[in-house]
PDB file of N, CA and C in Angstrom:
ATOM      1  N   THR A   1      -4.521 -22.975 -68.972  1.00  0.00           N
ATOM      2  CA  THR A   1      -3.437 -23.829 -68.545  1.00  0.00           C
ATOM      3  C   THR A   1      -2.135 -23.067 -68.679  1.00  0.00           C
ATOM      4  N   PHE A   2      -1.242 -23.313 -67.746  1.00  0.00           N
ATOM      5  CA  PHE A   2       0.065 -22.695 -67.826  1.00  0.00           C
ATOM      6  C   PHE A   2       1.112 -23.662 -67.293  1.00  0.00           C
ATOM      7  N   ASP A   3       2.360 -23.369 -67.579  1.00  0.00           N
ATOM      8  CA  ASP A   3       3.442 -24.305 -67.330  1.00  0.00           C
ATOM      9  C   ASP A   3       4.544 -23.636 -66.530  1.00  0.00           C
ATOM     10  N   GLY A   4       5.324 -24.420 -65.827  1.00  0.00           N
ATOM     11  CA  GLY A   4       6.474 -23.896 -65.115  1.00  0.00           C
ATOM     12  C   GLY A   4       7.144 -24.966 -64.283  1.00  0.00           C
ATOM     13  N   THR A   5       8.392 -24.740 -63.940  1.00  0.00           N
ATOM     14  CA  THR A   5       9.113 -25.688 -63.097  1.00  0.00           C
ATOM     15  C   THR A   5       8.836 -25.445 -61.620  1.00  0.00           C
ATOM     16  N   SER A   6       8.276 -24.286 -61.283  1.00  0.00           N
ATOM     17  CA  SER A   6       7.931 -23.959 -59.897  1.00  0.00           C
ATOM     18  C   SER A   6       6.556 -23.314 -59.873  1.00  0.00           C
ATOM     19  N   ARG A   7       5.846 -23.500 -58.750  1.00  0.00           N
ATOM     20  CA  ARG A   7       4.508 -22.912 -58.657  1.00  0.00           C
ATOM     21  C   ARG A   7       4.113 -22.696 -57.204  1.00  0.00           C
ATOM     22  N   VAL A   8       3.149 -21.815 -57.026  1.00  0.00           N
ATOM     23  CA  VAL A   8       2.480 -21.623 -55.749  1.00  0.00           C
ATOM     24  C   VAL A   8       0.989 -21.552 -56.064  1.00  0.00           C
ATOM     25  N   VAL A   9       0.184 -22.285 -55.292  1.00  0.00           N
ATOM     26  CA  VAL A   9      -1.254 -22.375 -55.555  1.00  0.00           C
ATOM     27  C   VAL A   9      -1.993 -22.250 -54.228  1.00  0.00           C
ATOM     28  N   THR A  10      -3.120 -21.541 -54.245  1.00  0.00           N
ATOM     29  CA  THR A  10      -3.962 -21.435 -53.059  1.00  0.00           C
ATOM     30  C   THR A  10      -5.419 -21.633 -53.462  1.00  0.00           C
ATOM     31  N   ASN A  11      -6.220 -22.124 -52.515  1.00  0.00           N
ATOM     32  CA  ASN A  11      -7.624 -22.410 -52.784  1.00  0.00           C
ATOM     33  C   ASN A  11      -8.423 -22.140 -51.524  1.00  0.00           C
ATOM     34  N   LEU A  12      -9.555 -21.471 -51.692  1.00  0.00           N
ATOM     35  CA  LEU A  12     -10.504 -21.270 -50.608  1.00  0.00           C
ATOM     36  C   LEU A  12     -11.830 -21.826 -51.092  1.00  0.00           C
ATOM     37  N   GLU A  13     -12.423 -22.744 -50.316  1.00  0.00           N
ATOM     38  CA  GLU A  13     -13.635 -23.425 -50.775  1.00  0.00           C
ATOM     39  C   GLU A  13     -14.652 -23.510 -49.648  1.00  0.00           C
ATOM     40  N   TRP A  14     -15.916 -23.274 -49.988  1.00  0.00           N
ATOM     41  CA  TRP A  14     -17.039 -23.412 -49.071  1.00  0.00           C
ATOM     42  C   TRP A  14     -17.908 -24.542 -49.586  1.00  0.00           C
ATOM     43  N   ARG A  15     -18.302 -25.469 -48.707  1.00  0.00           N
ATOM     44  CA  ARG A  15     -19.170 -26.591 -49.088  1.00  0.00           C
ATOM     45  C   ARG A  15     -20.390 -26.628 -48.184  1.00  0.00           C
ATOM     46  N   ARG A  16     -21.499 -27.075 -48.768  1.00  0.00           N
ATOM     47  CA  ARG A  16     -22.747 -27.176 -48.001  1.00  0.00           C
ATOM     48  C   ARG A  16     -23.562 -28.354 -48.508  1.00  0.00           C
ATOM     49  N   ARG A  17     -23.979 -29.227 -47.604  1.00  0.00           N
ATOM     50  CA  ARG A  17     -24.903 -30.306 -47.974  1.00  0.00           C
ATOM     51  C   ARG A  17     -26.283 -29.700 -48.182  1.00  0.00           C
ATOM     52  N   ILE A  18     -26.971 -30.182 -49.220  1.00  0.00           N
ATOM     53  CA  ILE A  18     -28.318 -29.662 -49.484  1.00  0.00           C
ATOM     54  C   ILE A  18     -29.383 -30.740 -49.343  1.00  0.00           C
ATOM     55  N   THR A  19     -28.966 -31.995 -49.159  1.00  0.00           N
ATOM     56  CA  THR A  19     -29.921 -33.077 -48.933  1.00  0.00           C
ATOM     57  C   THR A  19     -29.386 -33.992 -47.851  1.00  0.00           C
ATOM     58  N   GLY A  20     -30.284 -34.802 -47.325  1.00  0.00           N
ATOM     59  CA  GLY A  20     -29.851 -35.934 -46.520  1.00  0.00           C
ATOM     60  C   GLY A  20     -29.493 -37.059 -47.482  1.00  0.00           C
ATOM     61  N   GLU A  21     -29.299 -38.237 -46.953  1.00  0.00           N
ATOM     62  CA  GLU A  21     -28.939 -39.368 -47.802  1.00  0.00           C
ATOM     63  C   GLU A  21     -30.107 -39.741 -48.710  1.00  0.00           C
ATOM     64  N   LEU A  22     -29.820 -39.831 -50.007  1.00  0.00           N
ATOM     65  CA  LEU A  22     -30.830 -40.168 -51.008  1.00  0.00           C
ATOM     66  C   LEU A  22     -30.717 -41.643 -51.387  1.00  0.00           C
ATOM     67  N   LEU A  23     -31.800 -42.390 -51.224  1.00  0.00           N
ATOM     68  CA  LEU A  23     -31.858 -43.808 -51.595  1.00  0.00           C
ATOM     69  C   LEU A  23     -30.742 -44.626 -50.942  1.00  0.00           C
ATOM     70  N   HIS A  24     -30.275 -44.190 -49.781  1.00  0.00           N
ATOM     71  CA  HIS A  24     -29.200 -44.866 -49.046  1.00  0.00           C
ATOM     72  C   HIS A  24     -27.927 -44.999 -49.872  1.00  0.00           C
ATOM     73  N   VAL A  25     -27.698 -44.062 -50.797  1.00  0.00           N
ATOM     74  CA  VAL A  25     -26.556 -44.163 -51.706  1.00  0.00           C
ATOM     75  C   VAL A  25     -25.713 -42.891 -51.738  1.00  0.00           C
ATOM     76  N   ALA A  26     -26.342 -41.715 -51.733  1.00  0.00           N
ATOM     77  CA  ALA A  26     -25.585 -40.488 -51.976  1.00  0.00           C
ATOM     78  C   ALA A  26     -26.192 -39.299 -51.234  1.00  0.00           C
ATOM     79  N   VAL A  27     -25.354 -38.280 -51.056  1.00  0.00           N
ATOM     80  CA  VAL A  27     -25.754 -36.996 -50.492  1.00  0.00           C
ATOM     81  C   VAL A  27     -25.348 -35.921 -51.489  1.00  0.00           C
ATOM     82  N   LEU A  28     -26.244 -34.961 -51.748  1.00  0.00           N
ATOM     83  CA  LEU A  28     -25.926 -33.866 -52.669  1.00  0.00           C
ATOM     84  C   LEU A  28     -25.460 -32.643 -51.891  1.00  0.00           C
ATOM     85  N   GLY A  29     -24.552 -31.900 -52.526  1.00  0.00           N
ATOM     86  CA  GLY A  29     -24.052 -30.677 -51.923  1.00  0.00           C
ATOM     87  C   GLY A  29     -23.674 -29.667 -52.987  1.00  0.00           C
ATOM     88  N   VAL A  30     -23.372 -28.467 -52.545  1.00  0.00           N
ATOM     89  CA  VAL A  30     -22.917 -27.407 -53.445  1.00  0.00           C
ATOM     90  C   VAL A  30     -21.596 -26.867 -52.911  1.00  0.00           C
ATOM     91  N   THR A  31     -20.857 -26.223 -53.784  1.00  0.00           N
ATOM     92  CA  THR A  31     -19.589 -25.625 -53.407  1.00  0.00           C
ATOM     93  C   THR A  31     -19.410 -24.292 -54.117  1.00  0.00           C
ATOM     94  N   ALA A  32     -18.681 -23.404 -53.484  1.00  0.00           N
ATOM     95  CA  ALA A  32     -18.234 -22.151 -54.103  1.00  0.00           C
ATOM     96  C   ALA A  32     -16.750 -22.036 -53.777  1.00  0.00           C
ATOM     97  N   PHE A  33     -15.961 -21.571 -54.733  1.00  0.00           N
ATOM     98  CA  PHE A  33     -14.518 -21.560 -54.518  1.00  0.00           C
ATOM     99  C   PHE A  33     -13.832 -20.406 -55.224  1.00  0.00           C
ATOM    100  N   VAL A  34     -12.626 -20.101 -54.739  1.00  0.00           N
ATOM    101  CA  VAL A  34     -11.719 -19.118 -55.331  1.00  0.00           C
ATOM    102  C   VAL A  34     -10.348 -19.779 -55.376  1.00  0.00           C
ATOM    103  N   ASP A  35      -9.697 -19.744 -56.528  1.00  0.00           N
ATOM    104  CA  ASP A  35      -8.359 -20.304 -56.697  1.00  0.00           C
ATOM    105  C   ASP A  35      -7.409 -19.202 -57.137  1.00  0.00           C
ATOM    106  N   GLY A  36      -6.160 -19.328 -56.774  1.00  0.00           N
ATOM    107  CA  GLY A  36      -5.145 -18.391 -57.235  1.00  0.00           C
ATOM    108  C   GLY A  36      -3.803 -19.086 -57.324  1.00  0.00           C
ATOM    109  N   GLY A  37      -2.955 -18.593 -58.210  1.00  0.00           N
ATOM    110  CA  GLY A  37      -1.643 -19.212 -58.318  1.00  0.00           C
ATOM    111  C   GLY A  37      -0.723 -18.494 -59.282  1.00  0.00           C
ATOM    112  N   LYS A  38       0.515 -18.962 -59.281  1.00  0.00           N
ATOM    113  CA  LYS A  38       1.542 -18.376 -60.131  1.00  0.00           C
ATOM    114  C   LYS A  38       2.566 -19.458 -60.438  1.00  0.00           C
ATOM    115  N   THR A  39       3.095 -19.459 -61.666  1.00  0.00           N
ATOM    116  CA  THR A  39       4.202 -20.348 -62.021  1.00  0.00           C
ATOM    117  C   THR A  39       5.371 -19.514 -62.515  1.00  0.00           C
ATOM    118  N   TRP A  40       6.547 -20.107 -62.463  1.00  0.00           N
ATOM    119  CA  TRP A  40       7.738 -19.465 -63.022  1.00  0.00           C
ATOM    120  C   TRP A  40       8.709 -20.563 -63.451  1.00  0.00           C
ATOM    121  N   GLY A  41       9.713 -20.177 -64.202  1.00  0.00           N
ATOM    122  CA  GLY A  41      10.660 -21.153 -64.740  1.00  0.00           C
ATOM    123  C   GLY A  41      10.020 -22.006 -65.825  1.00  0.00           C
ATOM    124  N   ALA A  42       9.477 -21.372 -66.852  1.00  0.00           N
ATOM    125  CA  ALA A  42       8.738 -22.093 -67.898  1.00  0.00           C
ATOM    126  C   ALA A  42       9.578 -23.192 -68.533  1.00  0.00           C
ATOM    127  N   ARG A  43       8.944 -24.363 -68.759  1.00  0.00           N
ATOM    128  CA  ARG A  43       9.599 -25.492 -69.412  1.00  0.00           C
ATOM    129  C   ARG A  43       9.179 -25.587 -70.867  1.00  0.00           C
ATOM    130  N   VAL A  44       7.876 -25.660 -71.097  1.00  0.00           N
ATOM    131  CA  VAL A  44       7.350 -25.875 -72.446  1.00  0.00           C
ATOM    132  C   VAL A  44       6.550 -24.673 -72.920  1.00  0.00           C
ATOM    133  N   GLY A  45       5.558 -24.295 -72.136  1.00  0.00           N
ATOM    134  CA  GLY A  45       4.691 -23.184 -72.504  1.00  0.00           C
ATOM    135  C   GLY A  45       5.056 -21.935 -71.731  1.00  0.00           C
ATOM    136  N   PRO A  46       4.223 -20.923 -71.834  1.00  0.00           N
ATOM    137  CA  PRO A  46       4.498 -19.659 -71.148  1.00  0.00           C
ATOM    138  C   PRO A  46       4.246 -19.778 -69.649  1.00  0.00           C
ATOM    139  N   SER A  47       4.952 -18.966 -68.866  1.00  0.00           N
ATOM    140  CA  SER A  47       4.648 -18.879 -67.444  1.00  0.00           C
ATOM    141  C   SER A  47       3.361 -18.064 -67.296  1.00  0.00           C
ATOM    142  N   THR A  48       2.891 -17.903 -66.077  1.00  0.00           N
ATOM    143  CA  THR A  48       1.616 -17.212 -65.873  1.00  0.00           C
ATOM    144  C   THR A  48       1.693 -15.723 -66.151  1.00  0.00           C
ATOM    145  N   GLY A  49       2.880 -15.146 -66.114  1.00  0.00           N
ATOM    146  CA  GLY A  49       2.987 -13.702 -66.312  1.00  0.00           C
ATOM    147  C   GLY A  49       2.349 -12.941 -65.172  1.00  0.00           C
ATOM    148  N   GLY A  50       2.493 -13.421 -63.960  1.00  0.00           N
ATOM    149  CA  GLY A  50       1.878 -12.822 -62.782  1.00  0.00           C
ATOM    150  C   GLY A  50       0.899 -13.795 -62.155  1.00  0.00           C
ATOM    151  N   TRP A  51       0.170 -13.315 -61.199  1.00  0.00           N
ATOM    152  CA  TRP A  51      -0.811 -14.154 -60.515  1.00  0.00           C
ATOM    153  C   TRP A  51      -2.025 -14.371 -61.394  1.00  0.00           C
ATOM    154  N   ARG A  52      -2.593 -15.564 -61.338  1.00  0.00           N
ATOM    155  CA  ARG A  52      -3.822 -15.910 -62.060  1.00  0.00           C
ATOM    156  C   ARG A  52      -4.846 -16.396 -61.044  1.00  0.00           C
ATOM    157  N   GLY A  53      -6.109 -16.266 -61.378  1.00  0.00           N
ATOM    158  CA  GLY A  53      -7.140 -16.713 -60.454  1.00  0.00           C
ATOM    159  C   GLY A  53      -8.433 -17.048 -61.160  1.00  0.00           C
ATOM    160  N   ASP A  54      -9.339 -17.660 -60.402  1.00  0.00           N
ATOM    161  CA  ASP A  54     -10.682 -17.930 -60.900  1.00  0.00           C
ATOM    162  C   ASP A  54     -11.641 -18.024 -59.722  1.00  0.00           C
ATOM    163  N   VAL A  55     -12.916 -17.902 -60.026  1.00  0.00           N
ATOM    164  CA  VAL A  55     -13.984 -18.134 -59.059  1.00  0.00           C
ATOM    165  C   VAL A  55     -14.939 -19.121 -59.691  1.00  0.00           C
ATOM    166  N   GLY A  56     -15.597 -19.923 -58.858  1.00  0.00           N
ATOM    167  CA  GLY A  56     -16.494 -20.905 -59.440  1.00  0.00           C
ATOM    168  C   GLY A  56     -17.465 -21.480 -58.437  1.00  0.00           C
ATOM    169  N   THR A  57     -18.303 -22.360 -58.952  1.00  0.00           N
ATOM    170  CA  THR A  57     -19.314 -23.042 -58.160  1.00  0.00           C
ATOM    171  C   THR A  57     -19.480 -24.451 -58.710  1.00  0.00           C
ATOM    172  N   GLY A  58     -20.101 -25.308 -57.923  1.00  0.00           N
ATOM    173  CA  GLY A  58     -20.259 -26.670 -58.408  1.00  0.00           C
ATOM    174  C   GLY A  58     -21.278 -27.469 -57.625  1.00  0.00           C
ATOM    175  N   LEU A  59     -21.577 -28.636 -58.165  1.00  0.00           N
ATOM    176  CA  LEU A  59     -22.461 -29.621 -57.550  1.00  0.00           C
ATOM    177  C   LEU A  59     -21.599 -30.784 -57.089  1.00  0.00           C
ATOM    178  N   LEU A  60     -21.795 -31.215 -55.839  1.00  0.00           N
ATOM    179  CA  LEU A  60     -21.049 -32.333 -55.271  1.00  0.00           C
ATOM    180  C   LEU A  60     -21.996 -33.492 -55.025  1.00  0.00           C
ATOM    181  N   VAL A  61     -21.551 -34.690 -55.339  1.00  0.00           N
ATOM    182  CA  VAL A  61     -22.290 -35.904 -55.022  1.00  0.00           C
ATOM    183  C   VAL A  61     -21.362 -36.762 -54.163  1.00  0.00           C
ATOM    184  N   GLU A  62     -21.715 -36.931 -52.898  1.00  0.00           N
ATOM    185  CA  GLU A  62     -20.923 -37.782 -52.011  1.00  0.00           C
ATOM    186  C   GLU A  62     -21.540 -39.169 -52.012  1.00  0.00           C
ATOM    187  N   ILE A  63     -20.770 -40.148 -52.463  1.00  0.00           N
ATOM    188  CA  ILE A  63     -21.241 -41.533 -52.496  1.00  0.00           C
ATOM    189  C   ILE A  63     -21.015 -42.117 -51.102  1.00  0.00           C
ATOM    190  N   THR A  64     -22.100 -42.458 -50.410  1.00  0.00           N
ATOM    191  CA  THR A  64     -21.994 -42.886 -49.018  1.00  0.00           C
ATOM    192  C   THR A  64     -21.689 -44.368 -48.865  1.00  0.00           C
ATOM    193  N   ARG A  65     -21.881 -45.166 -49.892  1.00  0.00           N
ATOM    194  CA  ARG A  65     -21.660 -46.612 -49.792  1.00  0.00           C
ATOM    195  C   ARG A  65     -20.478 -47.093 -50.624  1.00  0.00           C
ATOM    196  N   ALA A  66     -19.572 -46.213 -50.974  1.00  0.00           N
ATOM    197  CA  ALA A  66     -18.419 -46.591 -51.801  1.00  0.00           C
ATOM    198  C   ALA A  66     -17.172 -46.696 -50.935  1.00  0.00           C
ATOM    199  N   SER A  67     -16.253 -47.551 -51.356  1.00  0.00           N
ATOM    200  CA  SER A  67     -15.009 -47.696 -50.614  1.00  0.00           C
ATOM    201  C   SER A  67     -13.852 -46.943 -51.264  1.00  0.00           C
ATOM    202  N   VAL A  68     -13.985 -46.562 -52.537  1.00  0.00           N
ATOM    203  CA  VAL A  68     -12.880 -45.897 -53.231  1.00  0.00           C
ATOM    204  C   VAL A  68     -13.252 -44.460 -53.578  1.00  0.00           C
ATOM    205  N   VAL A  69     -14.101 -44.246 -54.557  1.00  0.00           N
ATOM    206  CA  VAL A  69     -14.507 -42.898 -54.973  1.00  0.00           C
ATOM    207  C   VAL A  69     -15.581 -42.408 -54.019  1.00  0.00           C
ATOM    208  N   ARG A  70     -15.319 -41.284 -53.358  1.00  0.00           N
ATOM    209  CA  ARG A  70     -16.277 -40.754 -52.402  1.00  0.00           C
ATOM    210  C   ARG A  70     -16.976 -39.491 -52.874  1.00  0.00           C
ATOM    211  N   ILE A  71     -16.334 -38.697 -53.728  1.00  0.00           N
ATOM    212  CA  ILE A  71     -16.908 -37.421 -54.163  1.00  0.00           C
ATOM    213  C   ILE A  71     -16.881 -37.342 -55.684  1.00  0.00           C
ATOM    214  N   ILE A  72     -18.012 -36.989 -56.257  1.00  0.00           N
ATOM    215  CA  ILE A  72     -18.102 -36.675 -57.687  1.00  0.00           C
ATOM    216  C   ILE A  72     -18.416 -35.190 -57.766  1.00  0.00           C
ATOM    217  N   ARG A  73     -17.641 -34.456 -58.563  1.00  0.00           N
ATOM    218  CA  ARG A  73     -17.769 -33.004 -58.638  1.00  0.00           C
ATOM    219  C   ARG A  73     -18.042 -32.572 -60.075  1.00  0.00           C
ATOM    220  N   LEU A  74     -19.038 -31.731 -60.263  1.00  0.00           N
ATOM    221  CA  LEU A  74     -19.300 -31.068 -61.539  1.00  0.00           C
ATOM    222  C   LEU A  74     -19.198 -29.578 -61.250  1.00  0.00           C
ATOM    223  N   GLU A  75     -18.158 -28.935 -61.809  1.00  0.00           N
ATOM    224  CA  GLU A  75     -17.863 -27.550 -61.458  1.00  0.00           C
ATOM    225  C   GLU A  75     -17.745 -26.669 -62.693  1.00  0.00           C
ATOM    226  N   VAL A  76     -18.016 -25.394 -62.479  1.00  0.00           N
ATOM    227  CA  VAL A  76     -17.795 -24.386 -63.510  1.00  0.00           C
ATOM    228  C   VAL A  76     -16.995 -23.253 -62.868  1.00  0.00           C
ATOM    229  N   ALA A  77     -15.921 -22.838 -63.555  1.00  0.00           N
ATOM    230  CA  ALA A  77     -15.058 -21.772 -63.047  1.00  0.00           C
ATOM    231  C   ALA A  77     -14.950 -20.670 -64.088  1.00  0.00           C
ATOM    232  N   TYR A  78     -14.803 -19.459 -63.604  1.00  0.00           N
ATOM    233  CA  TYR A  78     -14.652 -18.289 -64.467  1.00  0.00           C
ATOM    234  C   TYR A  78     -13.266 -17.699 -64.227  1.00  0.00           C
ATOM    235  N   PRO A  79     -12.322 -17.918 -65.158  1.00  0.00           N
ATOM    236  CA  PRO A  79     -10.955 -17.421 -64.968  1.00  0.00           C
ATOM    237  C   PRO A  79     -10.866 -15.912 -65.118  1.00  0.00           C
ATOM    238  N   ASP A  80      -9.841 -15.340 -64.465  1.00  0.00           N
ATOM    239  CA  ASP A  80      -9.641 -13.895 -64.564  1.00  0.00           C
ATOM    240  C   ASP A  80      -9.153 -13.490 -65.947  1.00  0.00           C
ATOM    241  N   ARG A  81      -8.562 -14.419 -66.675  1.00  0.00           N
ATOM    242  CA  ARG A  81      -8.166 -14.190 -68.073  1.00  0.00           C
ATOM    243  C   ARG A  81      -8.669 -15.376 -68.881  1.00  0.00           C
ATOM    244  N   GLY A  82      -9.043 -15.147 -70.088  1.00  0.00           N
ATOM    245  CA  GLY A  82      -9.539 -16.248 -70.904  1.00  0.00           C
ATOM    246  C   GLY A  82     -10.917 -15.947 -71.430  1.00  0.00           C
ATOM    247  N   LYS A  83     -11.436 -16.900 -72.173  1.00  0.00           N
ATOM    248  CA  LYS A  83     -12.728 -16.697 -72.813  1.00  0.00           C
ATOM    249  C   LYS A  83     -13.758 -17.635 -72.214  1.00  0.00           C
ATOM    250  N   GLY A  84     -14.699 -17.096 -71.520  1.00  0.00           N
ATOM    251  CA  GLY A  84     -15.824 -17.858 -71.023  1.00  0.00           C
ATOM    252  C   GLY A  84     -15.494 -18.818 -69.897  1.00  0.00           C
ATOM    253  N   PRO A  85     -16.511 -19.554 -69.449  1.00  0.00           N
ATOM    254  CA  PRO A  85     -16.357 -20.462 -68.322  1.00  0.00           C
ATOM    255  C   PRO A  85     -15.606 -21.739 -68.707  1.00  0.00           C
ATOM    256  N   VAL A  86     -15.063 -22.389 -67.674  1.00  0.00           N
ATOM    257  CA  VAL A  86     -14.391 -23.677 -67.828  1.00  0.00           C
ATOM    258  C   VAL A  86     -15.180 -24.693 -67.010  1.00  0.00           C
ATOM    259  N   PHE A  87     -15.593 -25.797 -67.646  1.00  0.00           N
ATOM    260  CA  PHE A  87     -16.350 -26.850 -66.979  1.00  0.00           C
ATOM    261  C   PHE A  87     -15.413 -28.004 -66.646  1.00  0.00           C
ATOM    262  N   GLN A  88     -15.629 -28.609 -65.469  1.00  0.00           N
ATOM    263  CA  GLN A  88     -14.773 -29.716 -65.057  1.00  0.00           C
ATOM    264  C   GLN A  88     -15.596 -30.767 -64.330  1.00  0.00           C
ATOM    265  N   PHE A  89     -15.344 -32.033 -64.652  1.00  0.00           N
ATOM    266  CA  PHE A  89     -15.959 -33.171 -63.986  1.00  0.00           C
ATOM    267  C   PHE A  89     -14.838 -34.002 -63.382  1.00  0.00           C
ATOM    268  N   THR A  90     -14.889 -34.242 -62.073  1.00  0.00           N
ATOM    269  CA  THR A  90     -13.859 -35.051 -61.422  1.00  0.00           C
ATOM    270  C   THR A  90     -14.496 -36.011 -60.430  1.00  0.00           C
ATOM    271  N   SER A  91     -13.785 -37.065 -60.136  1.00  0.00           N
ATOM    272  CA  SER A  91     -14.182 -37.983 -59.071  1.00  0.00           C
ATOM    273  C   SER A  91     -12.928 -38.344 -58.302  1.00  0.00           C
ATOM    274  N   ASP A  92     -13.045 -38.308 -56.982  1.00  0.00           N
ATOM    275  CA  ASP A  92     -11.864 -38.525 -56.159  1.00  0.00           C
ATOM    276  C   ASP A  92     -12.298 -38.864 -54.747  1.00  0.00           C
ATOM    277  N   SER A  93     -11.314 -39.019 -53.881  1.00  0.00           N
ATOM    278  CA  SER A  93     -11.603 -39.231 -52.477  1.00  0.00           C
ATOM    279  C   SER A  93     -12.072 -37.916 -51.867  1.00  0.00           C
ATOM    280  N   LEU A  94     -12.379 -37.916 -50.598  1.00  0.00           N
ATOM    281  CA  LEU A  94     -12.999 -36.760 -49.950  1.00  0.00           C
ATOM    282  C   LEU A  94     -12.183 -35.487 -50.090  1.00  0.00           C
ATOM    283  N   PHE A  95     -10.864 -35.540 -49.949  1.00  0.00           N
ATOM    284  CA  PHE A  95     -10.030 -34.352 -50.119  1.00  0.00           C
ATOM    285  C   PHE A  95      -8.850 -34.685 -50.966  1.00  0.00           C
TER     286      PHE A  95
END
């Protein structure tokens, strides 16, 4: 994690469905991604000290019968600096 009053962030992501609809409820998929970014103008913590990045992969669950939450994501990312992988679980709309 890093802090700053200004930032630039970029993301490249590939997604692929690996199943059809399961039990008329969900579709499974996989993702691979690369993130990069930089902050400056630190407020509380340190700025990034240059560009930072990570690469990762994840499992996607698209809920086909929901009106609010459409994607559940379980991802693991490997940062360019830091110790070991970072795991993340999120649920959100399609994008």
